[in-house]
Amino acid sequence: MKNKNSLNRKAHFLGTKIRNLRKRNRLTMEDLSSRCIKLDPESAPSVSYLSMIERGKRVPSEEVLEVIAEVFQKNLSWFLDDIPEEDAITPSKGSGGGISGMALEPNFLFSNEILQIAIPEMLSQTGTSGRQFAHLLIRAHQEHHQNHFPDLERAAEEVGLKRLPLSLEELIAITKQMGMQIKWFRKTPLSVLQSMGIDESHVVTSFFDPPSTIYINQIMKNQSQRLKYNLAVHIGHAVLHDKDGMKNVLVTGRNEITPLQDKNAKIQTSGMDAQDILLAWRDFECSFFAGALLCPKVPFRQLLDRNGYEINTAKLAGVSESVAMRRMTAASPYPHWHYFDAYAPGKLKAVYRGNGIPLPWGNMSLVEDPCQHWAVFRMINESFTGTSAQISILNVGDEARIYACESVKVEDLAGKSHVLCSGIDLNPAIAAQGKDALSIANDLKQACVANSGSSQIPKSIKKDLLSVARILNINWVERGIENDARLICSRGAVCPRSPSCYQHCHEL
């Protein structure tokens, strides 16, 4: 390191490494600055200068970097690009959930100006629509915060006064208090269909017509739970966005099945504008508000606790299974949840992964080699009534993880069957009891591998899992333990079974 230019060319990961080290050692910037001052007052960086270093806005001098290196007991060379260890450059999310992030380095390639040019080009080349990209951004935001949005919860509680269940009559009264009126329609106006880019094969359940009219499809009169959700969404639109003139259209059957694309087909170009993000974000906010209004967090958590998180708790709350299962992920004190809403042949309409579980199928396109052993997708192709509990073992990175889930098959208003699935990652719960979660998961994985992919859970492991199930107070975890555990994978090509399901499929 003979000059500043030399350091500049080797420091692309430097800010990310310092930030991750600081957070993993639970130091604030003030703490780190104070530690540096204690070692070398003259070379120690200020808090503001540390902030610029971590954000890639400044490259420190060799003297400043030496002080920081001494604080963390690292060699100076460790901070430079020559050693871009994965753990060192993966953004630290603290207690956040979701999948792991990536370092946006070198910083100059991830500047706002470059991203504003590159992202539309990427979407155009891949055929990804602006709306799809917007939903991907929102899902990442949701997963990072593990479905905790206190401001939206408070807004809903102020309107609903934490009532559970909230009756249809009470919701109608709220709409009237907010100066809105309800009208019914039989046929969706052509202007509404055109504004959404859909045709009459989709069922428009309701829409808001500024300044104060909620139009509801007559088929909803016999669907009280869905009607309540629609009204709750429109109330959210009025509360959060002040009925600002944006149409709020609710559609069923819209994002379901699309044919598997031909690999040789020409990819359609697509674009996006700022309104794609804005409208998708408003949709998310209003949907989350609706869930919080119908299932206020504390009363709903108490109801779940009394009923062991059974899916039929939805009836007691007066909501659909979909609303209840999505709200579980936000209301439960256990943070490691996932939720899928899947349509055949393998389309994920809704996804939440606060536990970072890999996706079995994409929610923007289909893949050709999906794993058929995921509970959510097995149920799609089976004649099944009631709910189904399953214990699964899945490799995430190089680690075996144990998941428990409960799935239920339902129909939408367009008559299409789909499967809802709520699940949790059991490894953190096992570790919380002082057990070696990774060792237990590996032992269960080997038992399944030795039995062609599924196995009764060995007694010693069953005892540990049963203890965890009772501590969590989730009945379907206990039911899943009584069934065979199943190996699953994110793609057929990485099948852990012997013989491989993927190989078997190609032989047929």
Protein backbone atom coordinates (compact mmCIF):
# COMPACT_ATOMS: atom_id res chain seq x y z
CA MET A 1 0.00 0.00 0.00
CA LYS A 2 2.32 2.71 -1.23
CA ASN A 3 -0.14 5.45 -2.11
CA LYS A 4 -3.76 6.52 -1.77
CA ASN A 5 -4.63 5.46 -5.34
CA SER A 6 -3.44 1.94 -4.56
CA LEU A 7 -5.69 1.82 -1.49
CA ASN A 8 -8.65 3.17 -3.47
CA ARG A 9 -8.41 0.29 -5.95
CA LYS A 10 -8.35 -2.32 -3.20
CA ALA A 11 -11.05 -0.87 -0.96
CA HIS A 12 -14.31 -1.67 -2.73
CA PHE A 13 -15.53 -3.96 0.08
CA LEU A 14 -13.94 -1.99 2.89
CA GLY A 15 -17.02 -0.06 4.05
CA THR A 16 -19.20 -3.17 4.04
CA LYS A 17 -16.63 -5.14 6.02
CA ILE A 18 -16.26 -2.44 8.68
CA ARG A 19 -20.03 -2.03 9.02
CA ASN A 20 -20.62 -5.78 9.34
CA LEU A 21 -17.80 -6.15 11.88
CA ARG A 22 -19.19 -3.29 13.93
CA LYS A 23 -22.74 -4.65 13.92
CA ARG A 24 -21.69 -8.21 14.68
CA ASN A 25 -19.76 -6.93 17.67
CA ARG A 26 -22.83 -4.89 18.67
CA LEU A 27 -21.01 -1.57 18.53
CA THR A 28 -22.58 1.72 17.55
CA MET A 29 -20.57 4.17 15.46
CA GLU A 30 -20.07 6.19 18.64
CA ASP A 31 -18.68 3.07 20.35
CA LEU A 32 -16.26 2.37 17.51
CA SER A 33 -15.09 5.98 17.33
CA SER A 34 -14.47 5.97 21.10
CA ARG A 35 -12.47 2.72 20.87
CA CYS A 36 -10.34 4.26 18.13
CA ILE A 37 -9.77 7.45 20.14
CA LYS A 38 -8.60 5.37 23.08
CA LEU A 39 -5.99 3.68 20.86
CA ASP A 40 -4.84 6.66 18.78
CA PRO A 41 -6.53 10.05 19.32
CA GLU A 42 -4.78 11.64 16.34
CA SER A 43 -5.78 9.04 13.73
CA ALA A 44 -9.15 8.06 15.17
CA PRO A 45 -12.12 8.71 12.84
CA SER A 46 -15.09 10.79 13.97
CA VAL A 47 -18.62 9.37 13.90
CA SER A 48 -19.50 11.29 10.76
CA TYR A 49 -16.32 10.16 9.01
CA LEU A 50 -17.00 6.53 10.00
CA SER A 51 -20.45 6.85 8.51
CA MET A 52 -19.01 8.03 5.20
CA ILE A 53 -16.46 5.17 5.22
CA GLU A 54 -19.17 2.56 5.81
CA ARG A 55 -21.33 4.01 3.04
CA GLY A 56 -18.42 3.96 0.61
CA LYS A 57 -18.28 7.76 0.37
CA ARG A 58 -14.74 7.98 1.71
CA VAL A 59 -11.66 5.74 1.64
CA PRO A 60 -9.74 6.10 4.92
CA SER A 61 -6.03 6.75 5.10
CA GLU A 62 -3.75 3.87 5.99
CA GLU A 63 -3.34 5.33 9.50
CA VAL A 64 -7.10 5.43 10.12
CA LEU A 65 -7.54 1.90 8.78
CA GLU A 66 -4.75 0.64 11.04
CA VAL A 67 -6.59 1.96 14.12
CA ILE A 68 -9.86 0.30 13.05
CA ALA A 69 -8.01 -2.94 12.31
CA GLU A 70 -6.50 -2.90 15.80
CA VAL A 71 -9.92 -2.46 17.41
CA PHE A 72 -11.18 -5.61 15.67
CA GLN A 73 -7.88 -7.49 15.90
CA LYS A 74 -7.63 -7.93 12.14
CA ASN A 75 -4.71 -7.65 9.73
CA LEU A 76 -4.85 -4.57 7.53
CA SER A 77 -5.03 -6.72 4.38
CA TRP A 78 -8.25 -8.39 5.63
CA PHE A 79 -10.21 -5.20 4.92
CA LEU A 80 -9.18 -5.07 1.27
CA ASP A 81 -10.61 -6.82 -1.81
CA ASP A 82 -8.00 -9.58 -1.78
CA ILE A 83 -10.00 -11.42 0.90
CA PRO A 84 -13.72 -10.95 0.05
CA GLU A 85 -14.93 -13.66 2.47
CA GLU A 86 -18.65 -14.30 2.05
CA ASP A 87 -19.47 -13.72 5.73
CA ALA A 88 -17.47 -10.52 5.73
CA ILE A 89 -19.32 -8.91 2.83
CA THR A 90 -22.86 -10.27 3.37
CA PRO A 91 -24.90 -7.40 4.83
CA SER A 92 -25.70 -7.89 8.50
CA LYS A 93 -29.45 -7.61 9.06
CA GLY A 94 -29.41 -7.77 12.83
CA SER A 95 -32.66 -9.44 13.88
CA GLY A 96 -34.17 -9.01 10.42
CA GLY A 97 -35.56 -11.97 8.54
CA GLY A 98 -35.79 -12.99 4.93
CA ILE A 99 -33.04 -14.27 2.69
CA SER A 100 -29.46 -13.09 2.89
CA GLY A 101 -28.54 -9.88 1.14
CA MET A 102 -25.55 -9.04 -1.01
CA ALA A 103 -22.96 -6.32 -0.74
CA LEU A 104 -23.56 -3.50 -3.21
CA GLU A 105 -19.90 -3.21 -4.02
CA PRO A 106 -17.95 -1.74 -5.72
CA ASN A 107 -19.97 1.22 -4.51
CA PHE A 108 -19.60 3.27 -7.68
CA LEU A 109 -21.30 0.52 -9.72
CA PHE A 110 -24.30 0.58 -7.37
CA SER A 111 -24.79 4.33 -7.35
CA ASN A 112 -28.32 5.64 -7.84
CA GLU A 113 -27.44 6.95 -11.29
CA ILE A 114 -26.10 3.61 -12.54
CA LEU A 115 -28.96 1.57 -11.01
CA GLN A 116 -31.54 3.87 -12.56
CA ILE A 117 -30.09 2.97 -15.95
CA ALA A 118 -29.33 -0.71 -15.31
CA ILE A 119 -32.57 -1.85 -13.62
CA PRO A 120 -34.95 -0.92 -16.48
CA GLU A 121 -32.53 -2.58 -18.92
CA MET A 122 -32.43 -5.72 -16.78
CA LEU A 123 -36.25 -5.85 -16.61
CA SER A 124 -36.50 -5.38 -20.36
CA GLN A 125 -34.02 -8.17 -21.10
CA THR A 126 -35.62 -10.66 -18.70
CA GLY A 127 -39.24 -9.85 -19.53
CA THR A 128 -39.94 -8.86 -15.92
CA SER A 129 -42.75 -6.35 -15.59
CA GLY A 130 -42.52 -3.25 -13.47
CA ARG A 131 -45.30 -4.57 -11.24
CA GLN A 132 -43.44 -7.85 -10.67
CA PHE A 133 -40.26 -6.00 -9.75
CA ALA A 134 -42.21 -3.72 -7.41
CA HIS A 135 -43.68 -6.74 -5.61
CA LEU A 136 -40.21 -8.25 -5.30
CA LEU A 137 -38.94 -5.07 -3.64
CA ILE A 138 -41.91 -4.96 -1.28
CA ARG A 139 -41.56 -8.63 -0.36
CA ALA A 140 -37.88 -8.09 0.48
CA HIS A 141 -38.87 -5.11 2.65
CA GLN A 142 -41.58 -7.18 4.34
CA GLU A 143 -39.26 -10.11 5.01
CA HIS A 144 -36.45 -7.92 6.29
CA HIS A 145 -38.82 -6.46 8.89
CA GLN A 146 -40.35 -9.88 9.61
CA ASN A 147 -43.82 -8.53 8.89
CA HIS A 148 -43.68 -5.97 11.70
CA PHE A 149 -45.15 -2.61 10.70
CA PRO A 150 -46.21 -0.87 13.94
CA ASP A 151 -47.48 2.28 12.23
CA LEU A 152 -49.93 0.28 10.11
CA GLU A 153 -50.98 -1.77 13.15
CA ARG A 154 -51.68 1.43 15.14
CA ALA A 155 -53.64 3.00 12.30
CA ALA A 156 -55.86 -0.09 12.06
CA GLU A 157 -56.34 -0.29 15.82
CA GLU A 158 -57.44 3.34 16.00
CA VAL A 159 -60.17 2.61 13.46
CA GLY A 160 -61.26 -0.84 14.68
CA LEU A 161 -60.67 -0.24 18.42
CA LYS A 162 -59.05 -3.72 18.64
CA ARG A 163 -62.42 -5.46 18.28
CA LEU A 164 -62.23 -9.19 17.50
CA PRO A 165 -64.23 -10.42 15.75
CA LEU A 166 -65.20 -7.32 13.82
CA SER A 167 -68.65 -7.85 12.32
CA LEU A 168 -69.79 -6.93 8.82
CA GLU A 169 -72.26 -4.45 10.32
CA GLU A 170 -69.44 -2.77 12.25
CA LEU A 171 -67.32 -2.50 9.09
CA ILE A 172 -70.21 -0.98 7.15
CA ALA A 173 -70.69 1.52 9.98
CA ILE A 174 -67.00 2.47 9.77
CA THR A 175 -67.28 3.12 6.03
CA LYS A 176 -70.28 5.41 6.65
CA GLN A 177 -68.42 7.25 9.43
CA MET A 178 -65.65 7.90 6.92
CA GLY A 179 -68.10 9.43 4.46
CA MET A 180 -68.14 6.50 2.04
CA GLN A 181 -71.17 4.80 0.51
CA ILE A 182 -71.54 1.25 -0.82
CA LYS A 183 -73.10 0.39 -4.19
CA TRP A 184 -73.43 -2.99 -5.86
CA PHE A 185 -72.69 -4.04 -9.45
CA ARG A 186 -73.31 -7.16 -11.58
CA LYS A 187 -71.01 -6.46 -14.50
CA THR A 188 -67.62 -4.81 -14.17
CA PRO A 189 -67.43 -1.53 -16.10
CA LEU A 190 -65.19 -1.78 -19.17
CA SER A 191 -63.19 1.23 -17.99
CA VAL A 192 -62.19 -0.65 -14.80
CA LEU A 193 -61.11 -3.74 -16.77
CA GLN A 194 -59.06 -1.61 -19.14
CA SER A 195 -57.41 0.31 -16.32
CA MET A 196 -56.21 -3.00 -14.84
CA GLY A 197 -55.22 -4.54 -18.16
CA ILE A 198 -57.50 -7.56 -17.58
CA ASP A 199 -60.49 -9.19 -19.29
CA GLU A 200 -63.83 -10.58 -18.16
CA SER A 201 -62.31 -13.95 -17.20
CA HIS A 202 -61.09 -12.23 -14.04
CA VAL A 203 -63.50 -11.48 -11.24
CA VAL A 204 -63.40 -7.89 -10.01
CA THR A 205 -64.71 -8.13 -6.46
CA SER A 206 -64.79 -4.41 -5.68
CA PHE A 207 -63.38 -1.03 -6.63
CA PHE A 208 -63.32 2.48 -5.24
CA ASP A 209 -64.71 5.33 -7.32
CA PRO A 210 -63.56 8.75 -6.10
CA PRO A 211 -64.51 10.66 -4.16
CA SER A 212 -66.53 8.37 -1.89
CA THR A 213 -68.14 5.31 -3.49
CA ILE A 214 -67.17 1.67 -2.94
CA TYR A 215 -68.60 -0.58 -5.68
CA ILE A 216 -68.94 -4.25 -4.69
CA ASN A 217 -69.69 -7.24 -6.90
CA GLN A 218 -73.07 -8.83 -6.11
CA ILE A 219 -71.46 -12.27 -5.84
CA MET A 220 -69.88 -11.04 -2.59
CA LYS A 221 -73.26 -10.89 -0.83
CA ASN A 222 -72.93 -14.59 0.03
CA GLN A 223 -69.22 -14.31 0.85
CA SER A 224 -69.21 -12.45 4.16
CA GLN A 225 -65.58 -13.14 5.06
CA ARG A 226 -64.33 -11.97 1.66
CA LEU A 227 -66.70 -9.00 1.74
CA LYS A 228 -65.28 -7.97 5.11
CA TYR A 229 -61.74 -8.15 3.76
CA ASN A 230 -62.68 -6.03 0.71
CA LEU A 231 -64.27 -3.39 2.91
CA ALA A 232 -61.26 -3.43 5.24
CA VAL A 233 -58.92 -2.82 2.27
CA HIS A 234 -60.99 0.14 1.09
CA ILE A 235 -61.08 1.54 4.62
CA GLY A 236 -57.30 1.24 4.63
CA HIS A 237 -57.15 3.12 1.33
CA ALA A 238 -59.21 5.93 2.85
CA VAL A 239 -57.23 6.07 6.10
CA LEU A 240 -53.72 5.73 4.69
CA HIS A 241 -54.13 7.56 1.38
CA ASP A 242 -56.98 9.96 2.11
CA LYS A 243 -59.11 8.79 -0.83
CA ASP A 244 -56.75 10.70 -3.08
CA GLY A 245 -58.49 9.71 -6.30
CA MET A 246 -56.50 6.58 -7.09
CA LYS A 247 -58.77 3.71 -8.05
CA ASN A 248 -58.43 0.78 -5.66
CA VAL A 249 -59.48 -2.33 -7.62
CA LEU A 250 -59.56 -5.80 -6.03
CA VAL A 251 -59.39 -8.74 -8.43
CA THR A 252 -59.39 -12.51 -8.00
CA GLY A 253 -57.95 -14.83 -10.65
CA ARG A 254 -55.53 -12.14 -11.85
CA ASN A 255 -52.07 -13.41 -10.95
CA GLU A 256 -52.70 -17.10 -11.12
CA ILE A 257 -51.62 -19.44 -13.84
CA THR A 258 -49.40 -18.52 -16.74
CA PRO A 259 -48.12 -21.18 -19.17
CA LEU A 260 -44.57 -22.35 -18.74
CA GLN A 261 -42.55 -20.25 -21.15
CA ASP A 262 -40.81 -21.94 -24.05
CA LYS A 263 -37.08 -21.60 -23.50
CA ASN A 264 -36.71 -20.65 -27.16
CA ALA A 265 -39.52 -18.13 -27.16
CA LYS A 266 -38.60 -14.52 -27.60
CA ILE A 267 -38.67 -12.69 -24.27
CA GLN A 268 -41.12 -9.84 -24.30
CA THR A 269 -39.70 -6.49 -23.40
CA SER A 270 -41.12 -4.69 -20.43
CA GLY A 271 -40.62 -1.46 -18.63
CA MET A 272 -41.56 0.30 -15.47
CA ASP A 273 -42.23 3.72 -14.18
CA ALA A 274 -42.38 5.23 -10.72
CA GLN A 275 -46.12 4.54 -10.44
CA ASP A 276 -45.50 0.79 -10.61
CA ILE A 277 -43.71 1.02 -7.27
CA LEU A 278 -46.14 3.51 -5.77
CA LEU A 279 -49.29 1.55 -6.64
CA ALA A 280 -47.81 -1.80 -5.56
CA TRP A 281 -46.73 -0.26 -2.24
CA ARG A 282 -50.22 1.15 -1.68
CA ASP A 283 -51.72 -2.26 -2.42
CA PHE A 284 -49.43 -3.81 0.19
CA GLU A 285 -50.15 -1.16 2.83
CA CYS A 286 -53.91 -1.45 2.37
CA SER A 287 -53.77 -5.26 2.48
CA PHE A 288 -51.66 -5.27 5.64
CA PHE A 289 -53.97 -2.66 7.20
CA ALA A 290 -56.99 -4.84 6.36
CA GLY A 291 -55.45 -7.83 8.13
CA ALA A 292 -54.59 -5.72 11.18
CA LEU A 293 -58.10 -4.24 11.25
CA LEU A 294 -59.82 -7.65 11.08
CA CYS A 295 -57.29 -9.43 13.35
CA PRO A 296 -55.78 -6.87 15.76
CA LYS A 297 -52.40 -8.12 16.92
CA VAL A 298 -52.79 -8.67 20.67
CA PRO A 299 -56.35 -10.07 20.70
CA PHE A 300 -55.57 -12.28 17.70
CA ARG A 301 -52.36 -13.57 19.30
CA GLN A 302 -54.35 -14.47 22.42
CA LEU A 303 -56.96 -16.24 20.27
CA LEU A 304 -54.23 -18.18 18.44
CA ASP A 305 -52.62 -19.12 21.73
CA ARG A 306 -55.89 -20.43 23.16
CA ASN A 307 -56.46 -22.53 20.05
CA GLY A 308 -52.95 -23.82 19.38
CA TYR A 309 -52.60 -21.90 16.09
CA GLU A 310 -55.15 -24.12 14.38
CA ILE A 311 -56.21 -22.93 10.92
CA ASN A 312 -59.88 -23.10 11.92
CA THR A 313 -59.19 -20.22 14.32
CA ALA A 314 -60.10 -18.17 11.23
CA LYS A 315 -63.78 -19.00 11.85
CA LEU A 316 -63.59 -17.73 15.41
CA ALA A 317 -62.03 -14.50 14.14
CA GLY A 318 -64.65 -14.21 11.39
CA VAL A 319 -62.06 -14.08 8.58
CA SER A 320 -60.88 -16.28 5.73
CA GLU A 321 -58.10 -18.84 6.18
CA SER A 322 -55.88 -16.67 4.01
CA VAL A 323 -56.20 -13.63 6.27
CA ALA A 324 -55.73 -15.72 9.44
CA MET A 325 -52.65 -17.55 8.14
CA ARG A 326 -50.99 -14.36 6.89
CA ARG A 327 -51.70 -12.65 10.22
CA MET A 328 -50.09 -15.54 12.12
CA THR A 329 -46.74 -14.49 10.69
CA ALA A 330 -47.17 -10.98 12.12
CA ALA A 331 -48.94 -11.77 15.40
CA SER A 332 -46.87 -14.72 16.63
CA PRO A 333 -44.03 -13.98 19.08
CA TYR A 334 -41.97 -16.57 17.18
CA PRO A 335 -40.43 -14.74 14.21
CA HIS A 336 -39.31 -17.56 11.89
CA TRP A 337 -42.39 -18.00 9.66
CA HIS A 338 -43.15 -18.52 6.00
CA TYR A 339 -46.42 -18.37 4.05
CA PHE A 340 -47.28 -19.54 0.54
CA ASP A 341 -50.41 -19.21 -1.58
CA ALA A 342 -49.97 -21.61 -4.52
CA TYR A 343 -51.94 -22.38 -7.67
CA ALA A 344 -51.41 -25.35 -9.98
CA PRO A 345 -49.23 -26.21 -11.79
CA GLY A 346 -46.84 -24.31 -9.55
CA LYS A 347 -47.50 -20.60 -9.34
CA LEU A 348 -46.91 -18.78 -6.06
CA LYS A 349 -49.43 -15.96 -5.93
CA ALA A 350 -48.31 -14.80 -2.49
CA VAL A 351 -45.05 -15.40 -0.69
CA TYR A 352 -43.63 -14.42 2.69
CA ARG A 353 -40.32 -15.78 4.00
CA GLY A 354 -39.39 -14.28 7.36
CA ASN A 355 -37.35 -17.44 7.92
CA GLY A 356 -35.51 -17.20 4.58
CA ILE A 357 -36.76 -20.56 3.26
CA PRO A 358 -35.83 -20.96 -0.45
CA LEU A 359 -38.67 -20.74 -2.96
CA PRO A 360 -39.85 -24.09 -4.37
CA TRP A 361 -41.14 -22.30 -7.47
CA GLY A 362 -40.86 -18.73 -8.63
CA ASN A 363 -43.74 -16.31 -8.24
CA MET A 364 -42.80 -14.52 -11.47
CA SER A 365 -42.16 -17.54 -13.72
CA LEU A 366 -42.25 -21.32 -13.56
CA VAL A 367 -39.27 -23.67 -13.49
CA GLU A 368 -39.00 -27.02 -15.22
CA ASP A 369 -37.61 -29.15 -12.38
CA PRO A 370 -39.59 -28.35 -9.22
CA CYS A 371 -39.49 -30.59 -6.15
CA GLN A 372 -42.83 -32.38 -5.85
CA HIS A 373 -42.48 -33.17 -2.15
CA TRP A 374 -43.26 -29.74 -0.71
CA ALA A 375 -46.51 -30.00 1.25
CA VAL A 376 -48.05 -27.00 -0.49
CA PHE A 377 -47.60 -28.53 -3.93
CA ARG A 378 -48.44 -32.12 -3.01
CA MET A 379 -51.85 -30.91 -1.88
CA ILE A 380 -52.51 -29.12 -5.17
CA ASN A 381 -52.61 -32.42 -7.03
CA GLU A 382 -54.37 -34.48 -4.37
CA SER A 383 -58.05 -34.78 -3.48
CA PHE A 384 -57.86 -33.56 0.05
CA THR A 385 -60.20 -32.13 2.66
CA GLY A 386 -59.17 -30.52 5.91
CA THR A 387 -55.59 -29.59 6.68
CA SER A 388 -52.27 -31.41 6.35
CA ALA A 389 -49.26 -31.13 8.66
CA GLN A 390 -45.75 -32.00 7.48
CA ILE A 391 -42.21 -32.03 8.86
CA SER A 392 -39.65 -31.34 6.12
CA ILE A 393 -35.85 -31.29 5.92
CA LEU A 394 -34.28 -28.88 3.48
CA ASN A 395 -30.69 -27.88 2.84
CA VAL A 396 -30.31 -24.10 3.02
CA GLY A 397 -26.81 -23.33 1.86
CA ASP A 398 -24.74 -26.07 3.48
CA GLU A 399 -27.00 -26.50 6.51
CA ALA A 400 -29.86 -28.93 7.01
CA ARG A 401 -32.94 -27.24 8.46
CA ILE A 402 -36.16 -28.69 9.85
CA TYR A 403 -39.43 -27.02 8.86
CA ALA A 404 -42.98 -27.68 10.03
CA CYS A 405 -46.02 -26.52 8.10
CA GLU A 406 -49.80 -26.77 7.87
CA SER A 407 -51.57 -26.58 4.49
CA VAL A 408 -55.20 -26.24 3.45
CA LYS A 409 -56.88 -26.33 0.02
CA VAL A 410 -59.43 -23.59 -0.73
CA GLU A 411 -61.21 -22.09 -3.75
CA ASP A 412 -61.16 -18.50 -4.97
CA LEU A 413 -64.22 -16.68 -6.32
CA ALA A 414 -63.28 -17.69 -9.86
CA GLY A 415 -63.65 -21.35 -8.79
CA LYS A 416 -59.92 -22.09 -8.95
CA SER A 417 -58.40 -24.33 -6.26
CA HIS A 418 -55.28 -23.14 -4.50
CA VAL A 419 -53.35 -24.17 -1.41
CA LEU A 420 -52.47 -21.97 1.55
CA CYS A 421 -49.49 -22.97 3.66
CA SER A 422 -48.12 -21.53 6.91
CA GLY A 423 -44.85 -22.87 8.24
CA ILE A 424 -41.98 -22.26 10.63
CA ASP A 425 -38.27 -22.98 10.82
CA LEU A 426 -37.72 -25.25 13.83
CA ASN A 427 -33.92 -24.92 14.06
CA PRO A 428 -33.98 -21.66 16.10
CA ALA A 429 -36.58 -23.13 18.48
CA ILE A 430 -34.47 -26.27 18.94
CA ALA A 431 -31.35 -24.21 19.60
CA ALA A 432 -33.26 -22.08 22.14
CA GLN A 433 -33.67 -25.24 24.25
CA GLY A 434 -29.90 -25.73 24.38
CA LYS A 435 -29.91 -28.50 21.76
CA ASP A 436 -27.61 -28.85 18.76
CA ALA A 437 -30.14 -27.99 16.04
CA LEU A 438 -27.76 -28.61 13.14
CA SER A 439 -26.80 -32.07 14.45
CA ILE A 440 -30.45 -33.04 14.98
CA ALA A 441 -31.38 -31.80 11.49
CA ASN A 442 -28.50 -33.76 9.93
CA ASP A 443 -29.50 -36.93 11.79
CA LEU A 444 -33.09 -36.59 10.58
CA LYS A 445 -31.86 -35.92 7.05
CA GLN A 446 -29.74 -39.09 7.07
CA ALA A 447 -32.70 -41.13 8.33
CA CYS A 448 -34.75 -39.88 5.37
CA VAL A 449 -31.94 -40.45 2.86
CA ALA A 450 -31.60 -44.04 4.09
CA ASN A 451 -35.32 -44.60 3.45
CA SER A 452 -35.59 -43.18 -0.09
CA GLY A 453 -36.53 -39.69 1.04
CA SER A 454 -39.02 -40.08 3.87
CA SER A 455 -38.86 -41.68 7.28
CA GLN A 456 -40.54 -42.03 10.61
CA ILE A 457 -38.91 -39.58 12.98
CA PRO A 458 -36.49 -41.43 15.31
CA LYS A 459 -37.65 -41.52 18.94
CA SER A 460 -34.81 -39.35 20.29
CA ILE A 461 -35.46 -36.64 17.69
CA LYS A 462 -39.22 -36.93 18.12
CA LYS A 463 -38.81 -36.22 21.83
CA ASP A 464 -36.86 -33.03 21.13
CA LEU A 465 -39.33 -31.87 18.48
CA LEU A 466 -42.32 -32.65 20.68
CA SER A 467 -40.84 -30.52 23.44
CA VAL A 468 -40.36 -27.63 21.01
CA ALA A 469 -43.91 -28.02 19.63
CA ARG A 470 -45.39 -27.73 23.11
CA ILE A 471 -43.26 -24.73 24.00
CA LEU A 472 -44.33 -22.99 20.79
CA ASN A 473 -47.93 -24.11 21.45
CA ILE A 474 -48.52 -24.86 17.76
CA ASN A 475 -50.71 -27.95 17.45
CA TRP A 476 -49.91 -28.76 13.84
CA VAL A 477 -46.19 -29.06 14.64
CA GLU A 478 -47.11 -31.85 17.04
CA ARG A 479 -49.36 -33.49 14.43
CA GLY A 480 -46.60 -33.28 11.82
CA ILE A 481 -44.22 -35.13 14.11
CA GLU A 482 -46.55 -38.15 14.05
CA ASN A 483 -46.23 -38.34 10.24
CA ASP A 484 -43.16 -39.30 8.22
CA ALA A 485 -40.60 -36.54 7.76
CA ARG A 486 -39.85 -35.72 4.10
CA LEU A 487 -36.77 -34.51 2.28
CA ILE A 488 -37.50 -31.52 0.07
CA CYS A 489 -35.30 -29.34 -2.11
CA SER A 490 -35.64 -26.07 -3.98
CA ARG A 491 -35.03 -27.66 -7.39
CA GLY A 492 -35.10 -31.20 -8.76
CA ALA A 493 -31.51 -30.93 -9.98
CA VAL A 494 -30.28 -30.69 -6.37
CA CYS A 495 -32.43 -33.55 -5.09
CA PRO A 496 -30.92 -35.11 -1.92
CA ARG A 497 -32.81 -38.39 -2.35
CA SER A 498 -31.22 -41.62 -3.47
CA PRO A 499 -32.11 -42.41 -6.17
CA SER A 500 -32.71 -38.81 -7.19
CA CYS A 501 -36.30 -37.87 -8.07
CA TYR A 502 -34.85 -35.74 -10.86
CA GLN A 503 -33.02 -38.71 -12.38
CA HIS A 504 -36.14 -40.84 -12.05
CA CYS A 505 -38.25 -38.23 -13.87
CA HIS A 506 -35.79 -38.13 -16.78
CA GLU A 507 -35.80 -41.92 -17.04
CA LEU A 508 -39.59 -42.02 -17.48
